[in-house]
C-alpha cells in the first residue's frame, strides 16, 4: 500500500517557510524553492531563498547586536537565566520536533525520537552549555622574571558573529551543537540549515524567538548554495561553524580567509572498524557495523564505519551475521514505528550511491547481497537495499571515497600492523572502531589509528565529549570545553603593578 507524508505535514500545520531576522519573522529574500521528502518525493513545503540580500540583513542584525547590544556584556547569571528556559521548551516540544525532523529527511520516527540526534539530546546540549556560562575562566601566570613587576592574566572573549551552517542528516542535534555554545559564550548567530531539511530548524528557531534573547542575537536564513556562500564569505562574519561535505567545506576554507575567519569544519569520513579474532562476539560486531549502514539513516552519517577491516579467520562468520542483520530491516512509511531505515536523501544522491555499487562490481569486489532498488509501494521514493561487498581492496573507489549510503566494504587482514595500515590509508580521519577483548591491543591500536575519535567495542557522541576529524575530515572539535575554546578568543592582559 502506498503511503504519504503529507498528513503529518498537515497535522503540525507546516506552511511556507519564513526568515527570522532581528527578532522578527519575515518574508523577503530572492525567491522560493520546494523541500522534497525523500521517501515519496512529495513536495512538503515551500521555503525562502534568502540569497545575498537576506544574508546581508541577517548579518547586519547580528553584527549590531554583538557590537552594540547587551548580550556579550551581560552578567553570567543573566545569560544563564535566558538560556535555561530554552532547555525545557525543547523538551516540551520534543514530539513535534522529532516529527518535523522525520518530515525533513525521512529518518525513521523511532530514531528521531530516541537516538543521539533526537530533540532530547538537543535539549541536553543547551543544558550543558548553559552550565558553562559562569565557568568560562582564564588563567594567571607566575612572574617569569624579577626585572619587572608585570603580572599576566588571560580572559576568554566571544569571537563575534557566528555563521552556523548545519547538514540535513542531523538538523536538530547540529543546531544545538552550534547555537548553544555560541550563545553561551556571548556570540551572536546567523544559522542556515540545509536546503534539504529546514523544518526542524525553523521550529527550534521559533523556540528561541519566544525566549528573552535580545533582537539580533539569533537569526535564521534558509536557502541553498547561493545563500550559504553569501553567509560563509560575508566580511562581517567572524567565525564559520560548518558541518557537511568535504567539497563544500574546502570551498568555504578557500574563500573565507579574506578577514581571517575562525573555522570549525566537520566534514566527511571513510571510517574503518577493525574486528580482531579475539572480539567478544563476532555476531555483535557484524550486526553493529552492518546495522549502522542499513538502519537509522542508511549509512548517511559522516562518522559511520563503512570499511569493516576483519581478520581473515572470522571473515566468513562476520559476513553471515551481517546478512542476518539485513533480513530484519523494514522500509516504508518513516512515521511507522516499525520502519527501521531511511531513504536516500535525494534522487541525485541515490544515483550517486548506485554508481558506486556498480563501480565496486566493475573493480572486482564481490557483492554478497543488496545494492538493488525495491519496487512496489516504495518505487516513488529514493530507496536502495543495503549492500555488502567482500574481496575489497583498499585501493578501490568503494573503499576510498565517501559513498554516503548503505554500502559496507569488508577488507580482510592477517596482522595487527596490516589492519592499522589499512585503516590509516585514507584521506579521511573522522572516526573509527576497534573490536577486541585485549585491553593492551585496544589502546595500542587506538593510538596508532589516525582519526579524530575511536570507539572500542561501541561508539556514541555526548555533549560533554569532543568529536571532530583530521585530514580531509575537518578542522577543530565540537563538544565540551573544546567548543568553548572554539567560540571564544583568548586575550592576554599584562598588569604592571609598579605603574
Protein backbone atom coordinates (compact mmCIF):
# COMPACT_ATOMS: atom_id res chain seq x y z
CA UNK A 1 0.00 0.00 0.00
CA UNK A 2 1.34 3.43 -0.93
CA UNK A 3 1.87 5.98 1.82
CA UNK A 4 2.10 9.76 2.01
CA UNK A 5 3.92 12.08 4.41
CA UNK A 6 1.55 14.98 3.77
CA UNK A 7 -0.89 14.10 6.59
CA UNK A 8 1.97 14.63 9.06
CA UNK A 9 2.73 17.97 7.43
CA UNK A 10 -0.90 18.98 7.86
CA UNK A 11 -1.07 17.63 11.42
CA UNK A 12 1.68 20.01 12.52
CA UNK A 13 0.47 22.92 10.42
CA UNK A 14 3.60 23.24 8.30
CA UNK A 15 3.25 26.18 5.95
CA UNK A 16 5.59 28.20 3.74
CA UNK A 17 8.89 28.99 5.41
CA UNK A 18 9.97 32.43 6.62
CA UNK A 19 13.20 34.07 7.73
CA UNK A 20 13.92 35.12 11.32
CA UNK A 21 15.95 38.34 11.39
CA UNK A 22 16.47 40.83 14.21
CA UNK A 23 13.79 39.30 16.39
CA UNK A 24 11.09 39.17 13.69
CA UNK A 25 9.67 36.51 11.38
CA UNK A 26 9.51 37.90 7.88
CA UNK A 27 9.31 37.16 4.17
CA UNK A 28 11.66 38.53 1.53
CA UNK A 29 14.78 37.03 0.12
CA UNK A 30 15.46 36.29 -3.52
CA UNK A 31 12.94 33.62 -4.45
CA UNK A 32 11.46 30.39 -3.13
CA UNK A 33 12.13 26.67 -3.53
CA UNK A 34 10.45 23.37 -2.62
CA UNK A 35 11.54 20.95 0.07
CA UNK A 36 11.02 17.39 -1.17
CA UNK A 37 10.54 14.34 1.04
CA UNK A 38 12.92 11.51 0.09
CA UNK A 39 10.62 8.62 0.97
CA UNK A 40 7.95 9.63 -1.57
CA UNK A 41 9.38 12.63 -3.45
CA UNK A 42 6.33 14.65 -2.43
CA UNK A 43 6.62 18.42 -2.02
CA UNK A 44 6.41 19.06 1.72
CA UNK A 45 6.66 22.84 1.81
CA UNK A 46 7.99 25.96 0.15
CA UNK A 47 10.98 27.85 1.59
CA UNK A 48 12.66 31.21 1.07
CA UNK A 49 15.98 31.53 -0.73
CA UNK A 50 17.46 34.28 1.44
CA UNK A 51 20.24 34.98 -1.04
CA UNK A 52 22.71 37.82 -0.71
CA UNK A 53 20.11 40.38 0.37
CA UNK A 54 18.64 38.21 3.12
CA UNK A 55 22.08 37.25 4.40
CA UNK A 56 23.17 40.89 4.44
CA UNK A 57 20.19 41.82 6.61
CA UNK A 58 20.70 38.91 8.99
CA UNK A 59 24.43 39.52 9.39
CA UNK A 60 23.84 43.25 9.89
CA UNK A 61 21.38 42.42 12.68
CA UNK A 62 23.84 40.01 14.30
CA UNK A 63 26.70 42.50 13.94
CA UNK A 64 24.72 45.30 15.55
CA UNK A 65 23.56 43.01 18.36
CA UNK A 66 27.12 41.95 19.08
CA UNK A 67 28.77 45.36 18.84
CA UNK A 68 26.05 47.45 20.47
CA UNK A 69 23.65 45.12 22.25
CA UNK A 70 23.69 43.80 25.81
CA UNK A 71 24.28 40.10 25.11
CA UNK A 72 28.09 39.82 25.15
CA UNK A 73 28.35 42.24 28.10
CA UNK A 74 25.63 40.54 30.13
CA UNK A 75 26.49 39.08 33.54
CA UNK A 76 26.79 35.30 33.59
CA UNK A 77 23.73 34.87 35.80
CA UNK A 78 21.54 36.85 33.40
CA UNK A 79 22.73 34.99 30.32
CA UNK A 80 22.04 31.66 32.09
CA UNK A 81 18.59 32.90 33.10
CA UNK A 82 17.73 33.46 29.44
CA UNK A 83 19.17 30.20 28.06
CA UNK A 84 17.93 27.75 30.70
CA UNK A 85 14.19 28.06 29.85
CA UNK A 86 15.09 27.08 26.26
CA UNK A 87 16.06 23.64 27.57
CA UNK A 88 12.60 22.99 28.98
CA UNK A 89 10.92 24.48 25.90
CA UNK A 90 12.73 21.97 23.67
CA UNK A 91 11.77 19.12 25.98
CA UNK A 92 8.15 20.28 25.89
CA UNK A 93 8.16 20.30 22.08
CA UNK A 94 10.10 17.02 21.81
CA UNK A 95 7.48 15.06 19.87
CA UNK A 96 6.76 17.84 17.37
CA UNK A 97 10.46 18.47 16.73
CA UNK A 98 11.05 14.76 16.18
CA UNK A 99 8.21 14.53 13.66
CA UNK A 100 9.49 17.60 11.85
CA UNK A 101 12.96 16.08 11.66
CA UNK A 102 11.49 12.97 10.06
CA UNK A 103 9.49 15.22 7.76
CA UNK A 104 12.82 16.82 6.85
CA UNK A 105 14.91 13.79 5.97
CA UNK A 106 12.98 10.54 6.27
CA UNK A 107 14.72 9.37 9.45
CA UNK A 108 12.51 6.64 10.99
CA UNK A 109 10.46 8.20 13.75
CA UNK A 110 11.81 5.81 16.39
CA UNK A 111 15.35 7.11 15.81
CA UNK A 112 14.21 10.71 15.50
CA UNK A 113 12.74 10.49 18.99
CA UNK A 114 15.19 8.18 20.77
CA UNK A 115 18.65 8.32 19.17
CA UNK A 116 21.69 10.54 19.64
CA UNK A 117 20.22 13.03 17.13
CA UNK A 118 16.92 13.48 18.96
CA UNK A 119 15.50 16.68 20.37
CA UNK A 120 16.17 15.36 23.87
CA UNK A 121 19.87 15.33 23.04
CA UNK A 122 19.49 18.83 21.59
CA UNK A 123 18.00 19.95 24.91
CA UNK A 124 20.89 18.26 26.71
CA UNK A 125 23.31 20.34 24.62
CA UNK A 126 21.58 23.59 25.59
CA UNK A 127 21.59 22.46 29.22
CA UNK A 128 25.29 21.52 29.10
CA UNK A 129 26.41 24.83 27.61
CA UNK A 130 24.14 26.95 29.77
CA UNK A 131 26.02 25.38 32.65
CA UNK A 132 29.35 26.56 31.22
CA UNK A 133 28.42 30.25 31.20
CA UNK A 134 29.74 31.04 34.68
CA UNK A 135 32.72 28.70 34.30
CA UNK A 136 34.44 30.23 31.28
CA UNK A 137 37.60 31.27 33.06
CA UNK A 138 41.11 32.37 32.20
CA UNK A 139 44.43 31.81 33.93
CA UNK A 140 47.05 33.70 35.93
CA UNK A 141 50.74 33.05 35.40
CA UNK A 142 53.67 33.14 37.83
CA UNK A 143 56.08 36.01 37.40
CA UNK A 144 58.72 34.86 34.92
CA UNK A 145 61.42 37.40 35.82
CA UNK A 146 62.01 39.93 38.59
CA UNK A 147 63.17 42.57 36.11
CA UNK A 148 59.64 43.98 36.04
CA UNK A 149 56.55 43.74 38.18
CA UNK A 150 54.34 42.67 35.28
CA UNK A 151 51.61 40.16 36.01
CA UNK A 152 49.83 38.19 33.28
CA UNK A 153 46.19 37.11 33.10
CA UNK A 154 44.07 35.62 30.34
CA UNK A 155 40.39 36.10 29.56
CA UNK A 156 38.08 34.50 27.02
CA UNK A 157 36.09 36.91 24.88
CA UNK A 158 33.30 35.86 22.48
CA UNK A 159 34.58 35.51 18.93
CA UNK A 160 31.81 37.72 17.43
CA UNK A 161 29.26 36.98 14.71
CA UNK A 162 28.99 33.24 14.04
CA UNK A 163 27.74 31.72 10.78
CA UNK A 164 26.36 28.28 11.69
CA UNK A 165 25.63 26.02 8.71
CA UNK A 166 24.00 22.68 9.53
CA UNK A 167 23.51 19.48 7.50
CA UNK A 168 20.34 17.67 6.53
CA UNK A 169 21.08 14.38 8.31
CA UNK A 170 21.09 15.64 11.91
CA UNK A 171 19.36 19.02 11.78
CA UNK A 172 18.20 19.00 15.40
CA UNK A 173 21.41 17.87 17.10
CA UNK A 174 23.71 20.03 14.98
CA UNK A 175 21.50 23.09 15.56
CA UNK A 176 22.07 22.67 19.29
CA UNK A 177 25.76 21.74 18.97
CA UNK A 178 26.46 25.04 17.22
CA UNK A 179 23.92 27.51 18.59
CA UNK A 180 24.01 26.57 22.29
CA UNK A 181 27.77 27.06 22.85
CA UNK A 182 27.93 30.09 20.57
CA UNK A 183 25.23 31.85 22.61
CA UNK A 184 26.65 30.66 25.92
CA UNK A 185 29.95 32.32 25.07
CA UNK A 186 28.25 35.65 24.26
CA UNK A 187 28.33 35.47 20.46
CA UNK A 188 25.55 36.32 18.03
CA UNK A 189 24.46 33.78 15.41
CA UNK A 190 23.14 33.55 11.87
CA UNK A 191 22.10 29.96 11.20
CA UNK A 192 21.46 28.42 7.79
CA UNK A 193 20.01 24.90 7.78
CA UNK A 194 20.42 22.60 4.81
CA UNK A 195 18.07 23.42 1.96
CA UNK A 196 17.07 19.73 2.05
CA UNK A 197 15.93 19.86 5.69
CA UNK A 198 14.83 23.14 7.24
CA UNK A 199 11.61 22.39 9.13
CA UNK A 200 13.04 21.24 12.47
CA UNK A 201 15.50 24.16 12.46
CA UNK A 202 12.63 26.60 11.88
CA UNK A 203 10.74 25.12 14.84
CA UNK A 204 13.82 25.39 17.07
CA UNK A 205 14.28 28.96 15.87
CA UNK A 206 10.70 29.64 16.94
CA UNK A 207 11.54 28.43 20.45
CA UNK A 208 14.46 30.86 20.56
CA UNK A 209 12.21 33.59 19.13
CA UNK A 210 9.88 33.15 22.11
CA UNK A 211 12.73 33.40 24.62
CA UNK A 212 14.19 36.54 26.15
CA UNK A 213 17.13 36.68 23.75
CA UNK A 214 17.70 40.29 22.64
CA UNK A 215 16.84 41.05 18.97
CA UNK A 216 19.58 40.10 16.52
CA UNK A 217 21.34 37.67 18.85
CA UNK A 218 19.92 34.71 16.91
CA UNK A 219 18.87 34.84 13.25
CA UNK A 220 17.83 32.18 10.75
CA UNK A 221 18.09 32.25 6.96
CA UNK A 222 17.08 29.45 4.61
CA UNK A 223 18.40 28.66 1.17
CA UNK A 224 20.87 26.71 -0.92
CA UNK A 225 24.45 27.22 -2.12
CA UNK A 226 23.96 30.90 -3.02
CA UNK A 227 22.79 31.70 0.50
CA UNK A 228 25.47 29.51 2.04
CA UNK A 229 28.25 31.17 0.09
CA UNK A 230 26.95 34.66 0.89
CA UNK A 231 26.93 33.78 4.59
CA UNK A 232 30.28 32.00 4.81
CA UNK A 233 32.12 34.71 2.90
CA UNK A 234 30.45 37.73 4.48
CA UNK A 235 33.07 40.20 5.73
CA UNK A 236 31.15 40.88 8.96
CA UNK A 237 31.11 37.19 9.95
CA UNK A 238 33.91 36.40 12.42
CA UNK A 239 33.56 32.61 12.55
CA UNK A 240 32.09 29.85 10.39
CA UNK A 241 30.93 26.60 12.01
CA UNK A 242 30.03 24.16 9.23
CA UNK A 243 29.03 20.50 9.16
CA UNK A 244 28.70 18.94 5.73
CA UNK A 245 30.53 17.60 2.72
CA UNK A 246 34.30 17.93 2.24
CA UNK A 247 33.79 19.60 -1.14
CA UNK A 248 31.73 22.41 0.38
CA UNK A 249 33.97 22.62 3.44
CA UNK A 250 37.07 23.03 1.29
CA UNK A 251 35.35 25.74 -0.70
CA UNK A 252 34.42 27.59 2.50
CA UNK A 253 38.00 27.31 3.70
CA UNK A 254 39.41 28.64 0.44
CA UNK A 255 37.01 31.58 0.08
CA UNK A 256 36.56 32.74 3.67
CA UNK A 257 40.09 33.83 4.52
CA UNK A 258 39.87 37.48 3.48
CA UNK A 259 39.22 38.59 7.07
CA UNK A 260 40.89 35.57 8.73
CA UNK A 261 37.61 33.99 9.82
CA UNK A 262 37.85 31.37 12.52
CA UNK A 263 36.76 27.93 11.30
CA UNK A 264 35.17 24.80 12.73
CA UNK A 265 34.60 22.26 9.95
CA UNK A 266 33.24 18.76 10.47
CA UNK A 267 33.36 17.13 7.07
CA UNK A 268 33.26 13.65 5.58
CA UNK A 269 34.57 10.28 6.61
CA UNK A 270 35.55 6.86 5.34
CA UNK A 271 35.93 5.35 8.75
CA UNK A 272 37.34 1.90 9.42
CA UNK A 273 36.30 -0.52 12.16
CA UNK A 274 38.90 -3.17 12.98
CA UNK A 275 37.48 -6.54 14.06
CA UNK A 276 40.08 -8.77 15.70
CA UNK A 277 39.70 -12.53 16.19
CA UNK A 278 39.60 -12.10 19.99
CA UNK A 279 36.49 -9.92 19.82
CA UNK A 280 33.96 -10.95 22.43
CA UNK A 281 31.26 -11.76 19.87
CA UNK A 282 31.68 -11.67 16.09
CA UNK A 283 27.92 -11.61 15.76
CA UNK A 284 27.63 -8.39 17.76
CA UNK A 285 30.41 -6.69 15.78
CA UNK A 286 28.90 -7.71 12.44
CA UNK A 287 25.39 -6.66 13.38
CA UNK A 288 26.59 -3.34 14.78
CA UNK A 289 28.61 -2.40 11.71
CA UNK A 290 26.07 -3.63 9.17
CA UNK A 291 23.30 -2.01 11.20
CA UNK A 292 24.97 1.39 11.07
CA UNK A 293 24.88 1.12 7.27
CA UNK A 294 21.45 -0.45 6.92
CA UNK A 295 19.25 1.14 9.61
CA UNK A 296 18.77 4.65 11.04
CA UNK A 297 19.92 6.97 8.20
CA UNK A 298 21.08 4.10 5.98
CA UNK A 299 24.76 4.96 6.11
CA UNK A 300 24.19 8.69 5.53
CA UNK A 301 26.22 9.72 8.57
CA UNK A 302 29.78 11.01 8.24
CA UNK A 303 31.05 9.02 11.24
CA UNK A 304 29.61 5.68 10.08
CA UNK A 305 32.31 2.99 9.70
CA UNK A 306 31.89 1.97 6.06
CA UNK A 307 35.08 -0.11 5.95
CA UNK A 308 34.93 -3.28 8.07
CA UNK A 309 38.53 -4.44 8.39
CA UNK A 310 38.04 -8.03 9.57
CA UNK A 311 40.57 -10.72 10.47
CA UNK A 312 40.51 -13.39 7.78
CA UNK A 313 39.91 -16.20 10.31
CA UNK A 314 36.48 -14.76 11.18
CA UNK A 315 35.58 -13.10 7.89
CA UNK A 316 33.03 -15.70 6.74
CA UNK A 317 31.33 -15.67 10.14
CA UNK A 318 31.22 -11.86 10.04
CA UNK A 319 29.55 -11.85 6.62
CA UNK A 320 27.00 -14.46 7.73
CA UNK A 321 25.87 -12.36 10.70
CA UNK A 322 25.82 -9.18 8.62
CA UNK A 323 23.45 -10.85 6.18
CA UNK A 324 21.23 -11.99 9.03
CA UNK A 325 21.03 -8.42 10.31
CA UNK A 326 19.88 -7.04 6.95
CA UNK A 327 17.00 -9.52 6.85
CA UNK A 328 15.49 -7.67 9.81
CA UNK A 329 15.32 -4.18 8.29
CA UNK A 330 11.99 -2.68 7.26
CA UNK A 331 11.46 0.04 4.66
CA UNK A 332 8.30 2.09 4.42
CA UNK A 333 6.43 4.97 5.99
CA UNK A 334 9.03 6.76 8.15
CA UNK A 335 6.30 7.64 10.66
CA UNK A 336 5.53 3.94 11.24
CA UNK A 337 7.42 2.81 14.38
CA UNK A 338 8.20 -0.50 12.65
CA UNK A 339 10.26 1.21 9.92
CA UNK A 340 13.98 0.79 10.58
CA UNK A 341 15.72 2.58 7.73
CA UNK A 342 15.71 5.90 5.91
CA UNK A 343 15.59 6.55 2.17
CA UNK A 344 18.46 8.25 0.37
CA UNK A 345 18.05 12.00 0.79
CA UNK A 346 17.63 12.95 -2.90
CA UNK A 347 17.38 11.46 -6.36
CA UNK A 348 20.79 12.88 -7.16
CA UNK A 349 22.35 11.16 -4.16
CA UNK A 350 20.50 7.93 -4.99
CA UNK A 351 22.09 7.91 -8.44
CA UNK A 352 25.47 8.53 -6.83
CA UNK A 353 25.09 5.60 -4.43
CA UNK A 354 24.02 3.29 -7.24
CA UNK A 355 27.00 4.37 -9.32
CA UNK A 356 29.37 3.38 -6.50
CA UNK A 357 27.73 -0.04 -6.26
CA UNK A 358 28.32 -0.55 -9.99
CA UNK A 359 31.89 0.68 -9.56
CA UNK A 360 32.52 -1.93 -6.87
CA UNK A 361 31.39 -4.71 -9.18
CA UNK A 362 33.47 -3.43 -12.07
CA UNK A 363 36.63 -3.18 -9.96
CA UNK A 364 36.35 -6.82 -8.89
CA UNK A 365 34.75 -6.69 -5.46
CA UNK A 366 32.12 -9.37 -4.83
CA UNK A 367 28.63 -8.13 -3.98
CA UNK A 368 27.30 -10.59 -1.41
CA UNK A 369 23.85 -9.04 -1.16
CA UNK A 370 21.83 -5.88 -1.79
CA UNK A 371 22.52 -2.92 -3.99
CA UNK A 372 19.27 -3.17 -5.93
CA UNK A 373 16.20 -0.96 -5.60
CA UNK A 374 12.91 -2.16 -4.07
CA UNK A 375 9.75 -1.60 -6.09
CA UNK A 376 6.06 -1.72 -5.30
CA UNK A 377 4.88 0.91 -2.81
CA UNK A 378 8.47 2.14 -2.44
CA UNK A 379 9.02 2.84 -6.13
CA UNK A 380 8.35 6.58 -5.85
CA UNK A 381 10.95 7.09 -3.13
CA UNK A 382 14.75 7.08 -3.03
CA UNK A 383 15.20 3.58 -1.65
CA UNK A 384 18.10 1.17 -2.14
CA UNK A 385 18.70 -2.17 -0.46
CA UNK A 386 21.78 -2.27 1.82
CA UNK A 387 24.83 -3.71 0.09
CA UNK A 388 27.81 -5.63 1.40
CA UNK A 389 30.99 -6.20 -0.62
CA UNK A 390 33.77 -8.66 0.13
CA UNK A 391 37.09 -9.25 -1.66
CA UNK A 392 37.56 -5.49 -1.39
CA UNK A 393 40.99 -3.99 -1.92
CA UNK A 394 41.67 -0.71 -0.13
CA UNK A 395 42.60 0.91 -3.45
CA UNK A 396 39.07 0.50 -4.86
CA UNK A 397 36.74 3.51 -5.10
CA UNK A 398 34.22 1.92 -2.73
CA UNK A 399 36.99 1.69 -0.10
CA UNK A 400 38.43 5.16 -0.63
CA UNK A 401 35.58 7.55 -1.44
CA UNK A 402 32.71 8.58 0.80
CA UNK A 403 29.56 6.96 -0.61
CA UNK A 404 27.09 8.28 1.99
CA UNK A 405 24.72 5.37 1.57
CA UNK A 406 24.02 1.82 2.79
CA UNK A 407 27.21 0.20 1.46
CA UNK A 408 29.68 -1.71 3.67
CA UNK A 409 33.04 -2.85 2.30
CA UNK A 410 34.71 -5.79 4.06
CA UNK A 411 38.50 -5.92 3.86
CA UNK A 412 40.42 -8.89 5.26
CA UNK A 413 43.66 -8.70 7.23
CA UNK A 414 46.10 -11.07 8.93
CA UNK A 415 48.23 -8.95 11.30
CA UNK A 416 47.57 -6.04 13.60
CA UNK A 417 50.04 -3.85 11.73
CA UNK A 418 48.31 -4.64 8.45
CA UNK A 419 44.92 -3.71 9.91
CA UNK A 420 46.22 -0.36 11.19
CA UNK A 421 47.89 0.36 7.85
CA UNK A 422 44.61 -0.27 6.01
CA UNK A 423 42.69 1.96 8.42
CA UNK A 424 45.21 4.80 8.05
CA UNK A 425 45.43 4.53 4.26
CA UNK A 426 42.70 7.11 3.73
CA UNK A 427 42.44 10.83 3.09
CA UNK A 428 39.79 10.95 5.83
CA UNK A 429 40.11 10.71 9.60
CA UNK A 430 36.83 11.36 11.38
CA UNK A 431 36.09 8.28 13.48
CA UNK A 432 36.91 4.62 13.81
CA UNK A 433 36.22 1.43 15.72
CA UNK A 434 38.08 -1.42 17.38
CA UNK A 435 36.51 -4.73 18.39
CA UNK A 436 38.74 -6.70 20.77
CA UNK A 437 38.86 -8.04 24.33
CA UNK A 438 42.59 -7.36 24.62
CA UNK A 439 42.85 -4.05 26.50
CA UNK A 440 46.51 -3.56 25.61
CA UNK A 441 45.73 -4.06 21.95
CA UNK A 442 42.76 -1.71 22.16
CA UNK A 443 44.89 1.17 23.44
CA UNK A 444 47.83 0.35 21.19
CA UNK A 445 45.68 0.33 18.08
CA UNK A 446 43.69 3.38 19.18
CA UNK A 447 46.92 5.37 19.48
CA UNK A 448 48.11 4.10 16.10
CA UNK A 449 44.94 4.93 14.16
CA UNK A 450 44.98 8.44 12.65
CA UNK A 451 41.45 9.61 13.28
CA UNK A 452 39.62 12.11 15.47
CA UNK A 453 37.66 9.69 17.65
CA UNK A 454 37.61 5.93 18.14
CA UNK A 455 35.07 3.63 19.72
CA UNK A 456 36.31 0.49 21.44
CA UNK A 457 33.55 -2.12 21.30
CA UNK A 458 31.00 0.67 20.79
CA UNK A 459 30.61 4.30 19.73
CA UNK A 460 28.47 7.25 20.72
CA UNK A 461 28.61 11.05 20.99
CA UNK A 462 27.81 13.02 24.15
CA UNK A 463 27.51 16.81 24.68
CA UNK A 464 30.48 16.88 27.08
CA UNK A 465 33.00 14.96 24.96
CA UNK A 466 34.84 16.32 21.91
CA UNK A 467 34.37 15.00 18.38
CA UNK A 468 35.88 16.04 15.08
CA UNK A 469 38.26 14.95 12.40
CA UNK A 470 41.74 15.21 10.98
CA UNK A 471 42.99 15.24 7.39
CA UNK A 472 40.10 15.79 4.96
CA UNK A 473 37.55 15.20 7.71
CA UNK A 474 37.77 18.72 9.05
CA UNK A 475 39.26 21.27 11.40
CA UNK A 476 38.53 21.70 15.11
CA UNK A 477 36.38 19.88 17.64
CA UNK A 478 32.83 20.13 18.95
CA UNK A 479 31.79 19.05 22.41
CA UNK A 480 32.54 20.05 25.99
CA UNK A 481 35.25 22.60 26.78
CA UNK A 482 36.75 22.32 23.28
CA UNK A 483 33.65 24.04 21.92
CA UNK A 484 34.01 26.86 24.42
CA UNK A 485 37.54 27.36 23.13
CA UNK A 486 36.26 27.31 19.55
CA UNK A 487 33.70 30.08 20.18
CA UNK A 488 36.00 32.37 22.16
CA UNK A 489 39.20 34.33 21.62
CA UNK A 490 41.95 34.15 24.23
CA UNK A 491 43.04 37.58 25.43
CA UNK A 492 46.19 38.19 27.49
CA UNK A 493 46.25 41.15 29.87
CA UNK A 494 49.56 42.39 31.30
CA UNK A 495 49.30 44.37 34.52
CA UNK A 496 52.24 46.50 35.72
CA UNK A 497 51.93 46.85 39.47
CA UNK A 498 54.76 49.41 39.62
CA UNK A 499 52.95 51.93 37.42
